N, C-alpha and C. Protein backbone atom coordinates (compact mmCIF):
# COMPACT_ATOMS: atom_id res chain seq x y z
N MET A 1 0.85 -1.19 0.00
CA MET A 1 0.00 0.00 0.00
C MET A 1 0.89 1.24 0.00
N LYS A 2 0.55 2.18 -0.83
CA LYS A 2 1.31 3.43 -0.90
C LYS A 2 0.96 4.33 0.26
N LYS A 3 1.95 4.84 0.92
CA LYS A 3 1.73 5.71 2.07
C LYS A 3 2.34 7.06 1.78
N THR A 4 1.73 8.09 2.31
CA THR A 4 2.29 9.43 2.21
C THR A 4 2.39 10.01 3.59
N ILE A 5 3.58 10.45 3.98
CA ILE A 5 3.79 11.05 5.28
C ILE A 5 4.09 12.52 5.08
N VAL A 6 3.25 13.38 5.62
CA VAL A 6 3.42 14.82 5.47
C VAL A 6 3.65 15.41 6.83
N LEU A 7 4.72 16.16 6.99
CA LEU A 7 5.05 16.77 8.27
C LEU A 7 4.85 18.26 8.15
N PHE A 8 4.22 18.83 9.16
CA PHE A 8 3.85 20.24 9.08
C PHE A 8 4.87 21.11 9.83
N PHE A 9 5.10 22.31 9.30
CA PHE A 9 5.96 23.28 9.95
C PHE A 9 5.19 24.00 11.04
N LEU A 10 5.84 24.92 11.73
CA LEU A 10 5.15 25.72 12.74
C LEU A 10 3.93 26.38 12.13
N ALA A 11 2.85 26.45 12.89
CA ALA A 11 1.58 26.92 12.35
C ALA A 11 1.64 28.36 11.87
N CYS A 12 2.64 29.11 12.31
CA CYS A 12 2.72 30.50 11.87
C CYS A 12 3.31 30.64 10.48
N ALA A 13 3.72 29.55 9.86
CA ALA A 13 4.32 29.62 8.55
C ALA A 13 3.30 30.09 7.52
N GLY A 14 3.73 30.94 6.59
CA GLY A 14 2.86 31.35 5.51
C GLY A 14 2.74 30.23 4.48
N LEU A 15 1.61 30.17 3.80
CA LEU A 15 1.41 29.14 2.79
C LEU A 15 2.11 29.56 1.50
N VAL A 16 2.88 28.66 0.94
CA VAL A 16 3.57 28.92 -0.31
C VAL A 16 3.35 27.75 -1.24
N SER A 17 3.43 27.99 -2.53
CA SER A 17 3.13 26.94 -3.48
C SER A 17 4.37 26.39 -4.17
N ALA A 18 5.44 27.19 -4.27
CA ALA A 18 6.61 26.78 -5.02
C ALA A 18 7.65 26.14 -4.14
N GLN A 19 8.25 25.07 -4.64
CA GLN A 19 9.37 24.43 -3.97
C GLN A 19 10.50 24.28 -4.97
N VAL A 20 11.71 24.63 -4.53
CA VAL A 20 12.87 24.56 -5.41
C VAL A 20 13.92 23.68 -4.74
N GLU A 21 14.51 22.79 -5.51
CA GLU A 21 15.55 21.93 -4.96
C GLU A 21 16.79 22.76 -4.63
N ILE A 22 17.41 22.46 -3.49
CA ILE A 22 18.62 23.16 -3.11
C ILE A 22 19.79 22.69 -3.98
N LYS A 23 20.85 23.49 -4.03
CA LYS A 23 21.98 23.20 -4.92
C LYS A 23 22.76 21.98 -4.47
N ASP A 24 23.11 21.91 -3.19
CA ASP A 24 23.96 20.82 -2.69
C ASP A 24 23.09 19.77 -2.01
N GLN A 25 22.72 18.73 -2.75
CA GLN A 25 21.83 17.69 -2.23
C GLN A 25 22.59 16.70 -1.34
N PRO A 26 22.05 16.40 -0.14
CA PRO A 26 22.73 15.47 0.76
C PRO A 26 22.47 14.00 0.44
N GLY A 27 21.49 13.70 -0.42
CA GLY A 27 21.29 12.34 -0.91
C GLY A 27 20.58 11.40 0.04
N ASN A 28 20.61 10.11 -0.33
CA ASN A 28 19.90 9.08 0.42
C ASN A 28 20.47 8.88 1.82
N ALA A 29 21.76 9.13 1.98
CA ALA A 29 22.37 8.97 3.30
C ALA A 29 21.73 9.91 4.32
N TYR A 30 21.32 11.08 3.83
CA TYR A 30 20.67 12.04 4.72
C TYR A 30 19.28 11.56 5.10
N PHE A 31 18.58 10.96 4.16
CA PHE A 31 17.27 10.40 4.47
C PHE A 31 17.39 9.33 5.54
N ASP A 32 18.36 8.44 5.40
CA ASP A 32 18.56 7.37 6.38
C ASP A 32 18.96 7.94 7.74
N PHE A 33 19.82 8.96 7.72
CA PHE A 33 20.23 9.60 8.96
C PHE A 33 19.04 10.23 9.67
N LEU A 34 18.21 10.96 8.91
CA LEU A 34 17.05 11.63 9.49
C LEU A 34 16.08 10.62 10.09
N LYS A 35 15.85 9.57 9.38
CA LYS A 35 14.92 8.53 9.83
C LYS A 35 15.39 7.92 11.15
N GLN A 36 16.66 7.55 11.21
CA GLN A 36 17.18 6.93 12.42
C GLN A 36 17.22 7.89 13.60
N ALA A 37 17.45 9.17 13.31
CA ALA A 37 17.51 10.17 14.38
C ALA A 37 16.14 10.46 14.99
N CYS A 38 15.08 10.24 14.21
CA CYS A 38 13.75 10.68 14.64
C CYS A 38 12.80 9.56 15.04
N ILE A 39 13.03 8.34 14.57
CA ILE A 39 12.14 7.23 14.95
C ILE A 39 12.20 7.02 16.46
N GLY A 40 11.03 6.93 17.07
CA GLY A 40 10.96 6.67 18.51
C GLY A 40 11.13 7.88 19.40
N LYS A 41 11.27 9.08 18.82
CA LYS A 41 11.49 10.29 19.61
C LYS A 41 10.20 11.05 19.93
N MET A 42 9.13 10.73 19.25
CA MET A 42 7.86 11.41 19.50
C MET A 42 7.24 10.90 20.80
N PRO A 43 6.93 11.83 21.74
CA PRO A 43 6.26 11.41 22.98
C PRO A 43 4.90 10.80 22.67
N SER A 44 4.46 9.88 23.52
CA SER A 44 3.12 9.33 23.36
C SER A 44 2.08 10.44 23.52
N GLN A 45 0.86 10.18 23.08
CA GLN A 45 -0.18 11.19 23.20
C GLN A 45 -0.40 11.58 24.65
N SER A 46 -0.43 10.59 25.53
CA SER A 46 -0.64 10.87 26.95
C SER A 46 0.48 11.73 27.52
N ALA A 47 1.71 11.35 27.21
CA ALA A 47 2.86 12.11 27.71
C ALA A 47 2.89 13.52 27.15
N LEU A 48 2.51 13.65 25.88
CA LEU A 48 2.53 14.97 25.24
C LEU A 48 1.51 15.91 25.86
N LEU A 49 0.32 15.40 26.14
CA LEU A 49 -0.77 16.25 26.63
C LEU A 49 -0.64 16.57 28.11
N THR A 50 0.10 15.77 28.85
CA THR A 50 0.27 16.01 30.29
C THR A 50 1.65 16.60 30.61
N MET A 51 2.37 16.98 29.58
CA MET A 51 3.74 17.49 29.74
C MET A 51 3.75 18.79 30.55
N LYS A 52 4.63 18.85 31.53
CA LYS A 52 4.77 20.05 32.34
C LYS A 52 5.72 21.03 31.64
N THR A 53 5.41 22.31 31.76
CA THR A 53 6.23 23.34 31.15
C THR A 53 7.57 23.44 31.85
N LEU A 54 8.64 23.38 31.08
CA LEU A 54 9.99 23.47 31.62
C LEU A 54 10.59 24.83 31.27
N THR A 55 11.40 25.34 32.16
CA THR A 55 12.08 26.61 31.92
C THR A 55 13.27 26.39 31.00
N VAL A 56 13.40 27.25 30.00
CA VAL A 56 14.57 27.19 29.13
C VAL A 56 15.39 28.46 29.34
N PRO A 57 16.71 28.37 29.24
CA PRO A 57 17.55 29.56 29.44
C PRO A 57 17.38 30.54 28.29
N LEU A 58 17.69 31.79 28.55
CA LEU A 58 17.57 32.82 27.52
C LEU A 58 18.59 32.62 26.41
N THR A 59 19.57 31.76 26.64
CA THR A 59 20.54 31.41 25.59
C THR A 59 19.97 30.37 24.63
N PHE A 60 18.71 30.02 24.80
CA PHE A 60 18.11 29.01 23.95
C PHE A 60 18.06 29.45 22.49
N MET A 61 18.06 30.73 22.23
CA MET A 61 18.12 31.21 20.84
C MET A 61 19.38 30.68 20.15
N ASP A 62 20.47 30.57 20.89
CA ASP A 62 21.70 30.02 20.32
C ASP A 62 21.51 28.55 19.95
N THR A 63 20.77 27.83 20.77
CA THR A 63 20.47 26.42 20.48
C THR A 63 19.63 26.31 19.22
N LEU A 64 18.64 27.17 19.07
CA LEU A 64 17.80 27.15 17.88
C LEU A 64 18.62 27.36 16.61
N LYS A 65 19.64 28.21 16.69
CA LYS A 65 20.46 28.51 15.52
C LYS A 65 21.52 27.44 15.26
N LYS A 66 21.80 26.65 16.25
CA LYS A 66 22.87 25.64 16.14
C LYS A 66 22.44 24.44 15.33
N TYR A 67 21.17 24.04 15.44
CA TYR A 67 20.69 22.79 14.83
C TYR A 67 19.66 23.05 13.74
N ASP A 68 19.39 22.01 12.96
CA ASP A 68 18.19 21.96 12.14
C ASP A 68 17.10 21.28 12.97
N TRP A 69 15.83 21.57 12.62
CA TRP A 69 14.70 21.10 13.43
C TRP A 69 13.71 20.35 12.54
N VAL A 70 13.53 19.09 12.84
CA VAL A 70 12.66 18.21 12.05
C VAL A 70 11.32 18.07 12.77
N ALA A 71 10.23 18.30 12.03
CA ALA A 71 8.89 18.14 12.60
C ALA A 71 8.59 16.65 12.73
N ILE A 72 8.55 16.16 13.95
CA ILE A 72 8.36 14.71 14.14
C ILE A 72 6.93 14.35 14.55
N GLY A 73 6.10 15.34 14.83
CA GLY A 73 4.71 15.03 15.18
C GLY A 73 3.99 16.23 15.76
N SER A 74 2.73 16.01 16.11
CA SER A 74 1.91 17.10 16.61
C SER A 74 0.63 16.57 17.24
N TYR A 75 -0.04 17.47 17.93
CA TYR A 75 -1.39 17.20 18.40
C TYR A 75 -2.25 18.41 18.08
N SER A 76 -3.38 18.17 17.42
CA SER A 76 -4.33 19.23 17.12
C SER A 76 -5.43 19.23 18.17
N TYR A 77 -5.52 20.30 18.94
CA TYR A 77 -6.57 20.40 19.96
C TYR A 77 -7.94 20.61 19.31
N THR A 78 -7.94 21.22 18.13
CA THR A 78 -9.20 21.44 17.43
C THR A 78 -9.81 20.13 16.94
N ASP A 79 -8.96 19.30 16.31
CA ASP A 79 -9.42 18.03 15.75
C ASP A 79 -9.25 16.86 16.70
N LYS A 80 -8.56 17.12 17.83
CA LYS A 80 -8.24 16.04 18.78
C LYS A 80 -7.51 14.90 18.07
N GLN A 81 -6.51 15.28 17.30
CA GLN A 81 -5.78 14.31 16.49
C GLN A 81 -4.29 14.32 16.82
N TYR A 82 -3.77 13.13 17.09
CA TYR A 82 -2.35 12.93 17.41
C TYR A 82 -1.64 12.36 16.19
N GLU A 83 -0.46 12.90 15.87
CA GLU A 83 0.31 12.42 14.74
C GLU A 83 1.74 12.13 15.16
N ASP A 84 2.19 10.91 14.87
CA ASP A 84 3.61 10.55 15.02
C ASP A 84 4.14 10.33 13.62
N ASN A 85 4.83 11.32 13.09
CA ASN A 85 5.26 11.28 11.70
C ASN A 85 6.42 10.34 11.43
N PHE A 86 7.01 9.81 12.52
CA PHE A 86 8.11 8.86 12.38
C PHE A 86 7.80 7.55 13.08
N ALA A 87 6.53 7.17 13.11
CA ALA A 87 6.16 5.88 13.67
C ALA A 87 6.85 4.77 12.88
N GLN A 88 7.35 3.77 13.58
CA GLN A 88 8.09 2.69 12.94
C GLN A 88 7.29 2.03 11.81
N SER A 89 5.99 1.90 12.00
CA SER A 89 5.15 1.21 11.03
C SER A 89 5.11 1.91 9.67
N LEU A 90 5.39 3.20 9.64
CA LEU A 90 5.35 3.95 8.39
C LEU A 90 6.48 3.57 7.43
N PHE A 91 7.48 2.87 7.96
CA PHE A 91 8.64 2.50 7.15
C PHE A 91 8.66 1.01 6.81
N ALA A 92 7.55 0.33 7.04
CA ALA A 92 7.49 -1.12 6.81
C ALA A 92 7.63 -1.46 5.32
N GLU A 93 7.12 -0.58 4.45
CA GLU A 93 7.20 -0.80 3.01
C GLU A 93 7.84 0.42 2.36
N GLN A 94 9.03 0.74 2.78
CA GLN A 94 9.67 1.99 2.37
C GLN A 94 9.83 2.11 0.86
N ASP A 95 10.16 1.01 0.18
CA ASP A 95 10.38 1.06 -1.26
C ASP A 95 9.10 1.26 -2.05
N ARG A 96 7.96 1.22 -1.37
CA ARG A 96 6.68 1.42 -2.06
C ARG A 96 5.95 2.65 -1.53
N SER A 97 6.65 3.46 -0.74
CA SER A 97 6.01 4.58 -0.06
C SER A 97 6.59 5.91 -0.49
N GLN A 98 5.87 6.96 -0.13
CA GLN A 98 6.30 8.33 -0.43
C GLN A 98 6.41 9.10 0.88
N TYR A 99 7.50 9.85 1.05
CA TYR A 99 7.76 10.56 2.29
C TYR A 99 8.06 12.03 2.01
N GLN A 100 7.69 12.86 2.96
CA GLN A 100 8.04 14.27 2.90
C GLN A 100 8.22 14.77 4.33
N PHE A 101 9.45 15.04 4.70
CA PHE A 101 9.78 15.46 6.06
C PHE A 101 10.02 16.97 6.10
N GLY A 102 9.35 17.65 7.00
CA GLY A 102 9.51 19.08 7.17
C GLY A 102 10.67 19.43 8.08
N ILE A 103 11.46 20.41 7.69
CA ILE A 103 12.65 20.83 8.45
C ILE A 103 12.69 22.36 8.44
N PHE A 104 13.08 22.95 9.56
CA PHE A 104 13.36 24.38 9.51
C PHE A 104 14.71 24.67 10.13
N ARG A 105 15.29 25.78 9.70
CA ARG A 105 16.62 26.20 10.16
C ARG A 105 16.56 27.68 10.49
N ILE A 106 17.12 28.07 11.63
CA ILE A 106 17.21 29.48 12.01
C ILE A 106 18.61 29.98 11.67
N MET A 107 18.66 30.97 10.79
CA MET A 107 19.94 31.51 10.35
C MET A 107 20.53 32.42 11.44
N ALA A 108 21.75 32.86 11.21
CA ALA A 108 22.45 33.67 12.21
C ALA A 108 21.71 34.97 12.53
N ASP A 109 21.00 35.52 11.54
CA ASP A 109 20.27 36.78 11.78
C ASP A 109 18.84 36.54 12.27
N GLY A 110 18.47 35.28 12.51
CA GLY A 110 17.14 34.97 13.02
C GLY A 110 16.14 34.57 11.97
N MET A 111 16.49 34.70 10.69
CA MET A 111 15.56 34.30 9.64
C MET A 111 15.34 32.80 9.66
N ARG A 112 14.07 32.40 9.51
CA ARG A 112 13.76 30.97 9.46
C ARG A 112 13.65 30.51 8.02
N ALA A 113 14.41 29.48 7.68
CA ALA A 113 14.34 28.87 6.36
C ALA A 113 13.62 27.54 6.47
N ASP A 114 12.67 27.29 5.56
CA ASP A 114 11.89 26.06 5.59
C ASP A 114 12.33 25.13 4.46
N PHE A 115 12.46 23.84 4.81
CA PHE A 115 12.90 22.84 3.85
C PHE A 115 11.98 21.63 3.91
N SER A 116 12.07 20.82 2.88
CA SER A 116 11.34 19.56 2.85
C SER A 116 12.26 18.48 2.27
N LEU A 117 12.36 17.37 2.96
CA LEU A 117 13.12 16.22 2.46
C LEU A 117 12.13 15.21 1.91
N GLY A 118 12.19 14.99 0.60
CA GLY A 118 11.25 14.08 -0.03
C GLY A 118 11.92 12.82 -0.55
N LYS A 119 11.15 11.73 -0.55
CA LYS A 119 11.63 10.49 -1.15
C LYS A 119 10.43 9.72 -1.68
N PHE A 120 10.51 9.31 -2.95
CA PHE A 120 9.43 8.57 -3.58
C PHE A 120 9.92 7.17 -3.94
N GLN A 121 9.41 6.20 -3.21
CA GLN A 121 9.73 4.79 -3.44
C GLN A 121 11.24 4.59 -3.52
N VAL A 122 11.75 4.05 -4.64
CA VAL A 122 13.18 3.74 -4.71
C VAL A 122 14.01 4.88 -5.31
N LYS A 123 13.36 6.00 -5.62
CA LYS A 123 14.09 7.13 -6.18
C LYS A 123 14.93 7.81 -5.11
N ASP A 124 15.92 8.58 -5.56
CA ASP A 124 16.81 9.26 -4.62
C ASP A 124 16.06 10.33 -3.83
N ALA A 125 16.46 10.49 -2.58
CA ALA A 125 15.90 11.54 -1.73
C ALA A 125 16.39 12.90 -2.20
N TYR A 126 15.60 13.94 -1.95
CA TYR A 126 15.98 15.28 -2.38
C TYR A 126 15.42 16.31 -1.38
N VAL A 127 16.13 17.42 -1.25
CA VAL A 127 15.73 18.50 -0.36
C VAL A 127 15.28 19.69 -1.19
N THR A 128 14.12 20.24 -0.84
CA THR A 128 13.63 21.45 -1.48
C THR A 128 13.45 22.54 -0.42
N THR A 129 13.33 23.77 -0.87
CA THR A 129 13.07 24.88 0.05
C THR A 129 11.92 25.73 -0.48
N THR A 130 11.22 26.35 0.43
CA THR A 130 10.17 27.31 0.07
C THR A 130 10.53 28.71 0.55
N THR A 131 11.79 28.89 0.90
CA THR A 131 12.27 30.20 1.36
C THR A 131 13.12 30.81 0.26
N PHE A 132 12.68 31.97 -0.26
CA PHE A 132 13.33 32.57 -1.42
C PHE A 132 13.86 33.98 -1.17
N ASP A 133 13.29 34.70 -0.21
CA ASP A 133 13.78 36.05 0.06
C ASP A 133 13.51 36.41 1.52
N ARG A 134 14.31 37.31 2.02
CA ARG A 134 14.22 37.68 3.43
C ARG A 134 12.96 38.48 3.75
N SER A 135 12.44 39.21 2.78
CA SER A 135 11.31 40.09 3.06
C SER A 135 10.04 39.30 3.42
N SER A 136 9.92 38.10 2.90
CA SER A 136 8.72 37.30 3.18
C SER A 136 8.96 36.21 4.22
N ALA A 137 10.19 36.05 4.65
CA ALA A 137 10.52 35.00 5.60
C ALA A 137 10.16 35.41 7.03
N THR A 138 9.79 34.43 7.82
CA THR A 138 9.57 34.66 9.25
C THR A 138 10.92 34.79 9.95
N THR A 139 11.00 35.67 10.93
CA THR A 139 12.22 35.79 11.73
C THR A 139 11.92 35.44 13.18
N TYR A 140 12.84 34.75 13.80
CA TYR A 140 12.77 34.47 15.23
C TYR A 140 13.60 35.54 15.92
N ASP A 141 12.92 36.50 16.52
CA ASP A 141 13.59 37.71 16.99
C ASP A 141 14.26 37.56 18.34
N LYS A 142 13.52 36.98 19.29
CA LYS A 142 14.04 36.91 20.65
C LYS A 142 13.15 36.01 21.50
N LEU A 143 13.64 35.72 22.70
CA LEU A 143 12.83 35.01 23.68
C LEU A 143 12.20 36.03 24.62
N LYS A 144 11.01 35.73 25.06
CA LYS A 144 10.33 36.59 26.00
C LYS A 144 9.73 35.75 27.12
N VAL A 145 9.96 36.15 28.35
CA VAL A 145 9.46 35.41 29.51
C VAL A 145 8.25 36.12 30.08
N SER A 146 7.19 35.36 30.33
CA SER A 146 5.98 35.89 30.96
C SER A 146 5.53 34.89 32.01
N GLY A 147 5.69 35.25 33.26
CA GLY A 147 5.38 34.32 34.33
C GLY A 147 6.30 33.13 34.27
N LYS A 148 5.73 31.92 34.22
CA LYS A 148 6.53 30.70 34.14
C LYS A 148 6.76 30.24 32.71
N ASN A 149 6.24 31.01 31.76
CA ASN A 149 6.32 30.61 30.36
C ASN A 149 7.39 31.38 29.60
N THR A 150 8.02 30.68 28.66
CA THR A 150 8.98 31.30 27.75
C THR A 150 8.42 31.23 26.34
N PHE A 151 8.49 32.34 25.62
CA PHE A 151 7.94 32.44 24.28
C PHE A 151 9.04 32.82 23.29
N ILE A 152 8.89 32.31 22.06
CA ILE A 152 9.71 32.77 20.95
C ILE A 152 8.90 33.80 20.19
N GLN A 153 9.45 34.99 20.04
CA GLN A 153 8.77 36.00 19.24
C GLN A 153 9.12 35.77 17.78
N ALA A 154 8.11 35.38 16.99
CA ALA A 154 8.30 35.12 15.57
C ALA A 154 7.53 36.17 14.77
N THR A 155 8.22 36.85 13.88
CA THR A 155 7.61 37.95 13.15
C THR A 155 7.53 37.64 11.66
N THR A 156 6.32 37.82 11.11
CA THR A 156 6.09 37.62 9.68
C THR A 156 5.40 38.85 9.12
N TYR A 157 5.99 39.47 8.10
CA TYR A 157 5.45 40.70 7.50
C TYR A 157 5.16 41.76 8.56
N GLY A 158 6.06 41.86 9.53
CA GLY A 158 5.95 42.90 10.54
C GLY A 158 5.02 42.57 11.70
N THR A 159 4.33 41.43 11.65
CA THR A 159 3.39 41.06 12.72
C THR A 159 3.99 39.99 13.60
N PRO A 160 4.15 40.26 14.91
CA PRO A 160 4.73 39.25 15.80
C PRO A 160 3.71 38.22 16.26
N GLU A 161 4.18 37.00 16.43
CA GLU A 161 3.39 35.92 17.01
C GLU A 161 4.26 35.26 18.07
N TYR A 162 3.64 34.83 19.17
CA TYR A 162 4.41 34.28 20.28
C TYR A 162 4.17 32.78 20.39
N LEU A 163 5.27 32.02 20.25
CA LEU A 163 5.24 30.57 20.28
C LEU A 163 5.69 30.12 21.67
N ARG A 164 4.83 29.42 22.37
CA ARG A 164 5.14 29.03 23.75
C ARG A 164 6.02 27.78 23.77
N VAL A 165 7.18 27.89 24.41
CA VAL A 165 8.08 26.75 24.55
C VAL A 165 7.62 25.92 25.74
N VAL A 166 7.13 24.73 25.46
CA VAL A 166 6.66 23.85 26.53
C VAL A 166 7.82 23.10 27.15
N SER A 167 8.70 22.56 26.30
CA SER A 167 9.78 21.73 26.80
C SER A 167 10.89 21.63 25.76
N TYR A 168 12.11 21.55 26.25
CA TYR A 168 13.24 21.16 25.41
C TYR A 168 14.10 20.23 26.24
N LYS A 169 14.11 18.96 25.85
CA LYS A 169 14.81 17.94 26.63
C LYS A 169 15.33 16.86 25.70
N GLU A 170 16.61 16.56 25.83
CA GLU A 170 17.26 15.51 25.04
C GLU A 170 17.02 15.70 23.54
N GLY A 171 17.10 16.95 23.11
CA GLY A 171 17.00 17.25 21.70
C GLY A 171 15.60 17.32 21.14
N VAL A 172 14.58 17.17 22.00
CA VAL A 172 13.19 17.21 21.55
C VAL A 172 12.55 18.51 22.03
N LEU A 173 12.06 19.30 21.09
CA LEU A 173 11.46 20.59 21.36
C LEU A 173 9.94 20.52 21.19
N VAL A 174 9.22 20.99 22.20
CA VAL A 174 7.75 21.00 22.14
C VAL A 174 7.29 22.46 22.19
N ILE A 175 6.49 22.83 21.20
CA ILE A 175 6.02 24.21 21.04
C ILE A 175 4.50 24.23 20.99
N ASP A 176 3.89 25.17 21.70
CA ASP A 176 2.45 25.39 21.62
C ASP A 176 2.14 26.57 20.71
N ILE A 177 1.20 26.36 19.80
CA ILE A 177 0.71 27.43 18.93
C ILE A 177 -0.69 27.78 19.41
N THR A 178 -0.88 29.00 19.87
CA THR A 178 -2.19 29.40 20.38
C THR A 178 -3.06 29.92 19.24
N ILE A 179 -4.33 30.11 19.53
CA ILE A 179 -5.27 30.54 18.50
C ILE A 179 -4.95 31.93 17.98
N SER A 180 -4.63 32.86 18.89
CA SER A 180 -4.38 34.25 18.47
C SER A 180 -2.90 34.57 18.29
N GLY A 181 -2.02 33.75 18.88
CA GLY A 181 -0.60 34.04 18.83
C GLY A 181 -0.13 35.07 19.84
N LYS A 182 -1.04 35.48 20.73
CA LYS A 182 -0.68 36.46 21.74
C LYS A 182 -0.20 35.77 23.02
N ILE A 183 0.62 36.47 23.77
CA ILE A 183 1.17 35.91 25.00
C ILE A 183 0.06 35.59 26.00
N THR A 184 -0.97 36.40 26.00
CA THR A 184 -2.05 36.22 26.98
C THR A 184 -3.05 35.13 26.60
N ASP A 185 -2.92 34.59 25.39
CA ASP A 185 -3.87 33.57 24.92
C ASP A 185 -3.56 32.22 25.56
N LEU A 186 -4.51 31.64 26.24
CA LEU A 186 -4.33 30.35 26.91
C LEU A 186 -4.92 29.19 26.10
N LYS A 187 -5.52 29.50 24.95
CA LYS A 187 -6.15 28.46 24.14
C LYS A 187 -5.18 27.96 23.07
N THR A 188 -4.74 26.71 23.24
CA THR A 188 -3.77 26.14 22.32
C THR A 188 -4.47 25.49 21.13
N ARG A 189 -3.95 25.77 19.93
CA ARG A 189 -4.48 25.15 18.72
C ARG A 189 -3.69 23.91 18.35
N PHE A 190 -2.36 24.03 18.38
CA PHE A 190 -1.49 22.90 18.06
C PHE A 190 -0.40 22.77 19.12
N ARG A 191 0.02 21.55 19.37
CA ARG A 191 1.23 21.27 20.13
C ARG A 191 2.16 20.54 19.17
N ASN A 192 3.20 21.23 18.73
CA ASN A 192 4.11 20.70 17.71
C ASN A 192 5.41 20.22 18.34
N VAL A 193 5.96 19.16 17.77
CA VAL A 193 7.16 18.54 18.33
C VAL A 193 8.24 18.47 17.26
N TYR A 194 9.46 18.85 17.63
CA TYR A 194 10.58 18.89 16.70
C TYR A 194 11.79 18.19 17.31
N LYS A 195 12.60 17.61 16.44
CA LYS A 195 13.84 16.96 16.88
C LYS A 195 15.02 17.74 16.34
N ALA A 196 15.95 18.08 17.23
CA ALA A 196 17.17 18.77 16.83
C ALA A 196 18.12 17.77 16.17
N ILE A 197 18.65 18.15 15.01
CA ILE A 197 19.64 17.31 14.34
C ILE A 197 20.78 18.19 13.85
N PRO A 198 21.96 17.64 13.72
CA PRO A 198 23.08 18.42 13.18
C PRO A 198 22.79 18.86 11.75
N LYS A 199 23.32 20.01 11.37
CA LYS A 199 23.14 20.50 10.00
C LYS A 199 24.01 19.67 9.06
N LYS A 200 23.36 19.06 8.07
CA LYS A 200 24.07 18.14 7.18
C LYS A 200 24.12 18.62 5.73
N PHE A 201 23.55 19.79 5.45
CA PHE A 201 23.65 20.33 4.10
C PHE A 201 23.84 21.84 4.16
N ASP A 202 24.51 22.37 3.13
CA ASP A 202 24.76 23.81 3.05
C ASP A 202 23.65 24.48 2.27
N TRP A 203 23.31 25.69 2.69
CA TRP A 203 22.29 26.46 1.98
C TRP A 203 22.46 27.93 2.33
N LYS A 204 22.24 28.78 1.35
CA LYS A 204 22.20 30.21 1.60
C LYS A 204 21.21 30.84 0.65
N ILE A 205 20.63 31.95 1.10
CA ILE A 205 19.58 32.58 0.32
C ILE A 205 20.19 33.47 -0.76
């Protein structure tokens, strides 16, 4: 049976239609590396929903810029739907399946670049990007602390949105996306989970 695995970026991402392959392709070895790094890292639904908020240091922006971040799963509070995008069962028939893994990278100036690692059946894996210019890209400006919560201020087209950092532990980052994106909003729309991985390909805008 043909399977398609689609991983979603942070909910604040703008919708884009064009994808362009990057110049320096990391190949199938990168696909295998990504798969092994992320399988089994997604918290169970119960653990994800009962997760206690952990304090992160203000130097966490440096951590965000150090690694690439792979979307490994999510929970939609609206649809009450849990997704483990790297469940072991999804790779049972890899040569007959189609994959698309979402990745984001924070550049030195805070700009977020979005990538997708695709693989179709036995064809070679390839990386594409939907980030083409700085004017339309989201920037991660700074961390902001409010009470016991730490937020990432993400700005798109001049409008800031605040992403609540729930936890960062053993390379797994959990982010809450609220309905309004405001610090005072307590209603969560998505709880997104990302895995930190070393940067394995070069890219510049």
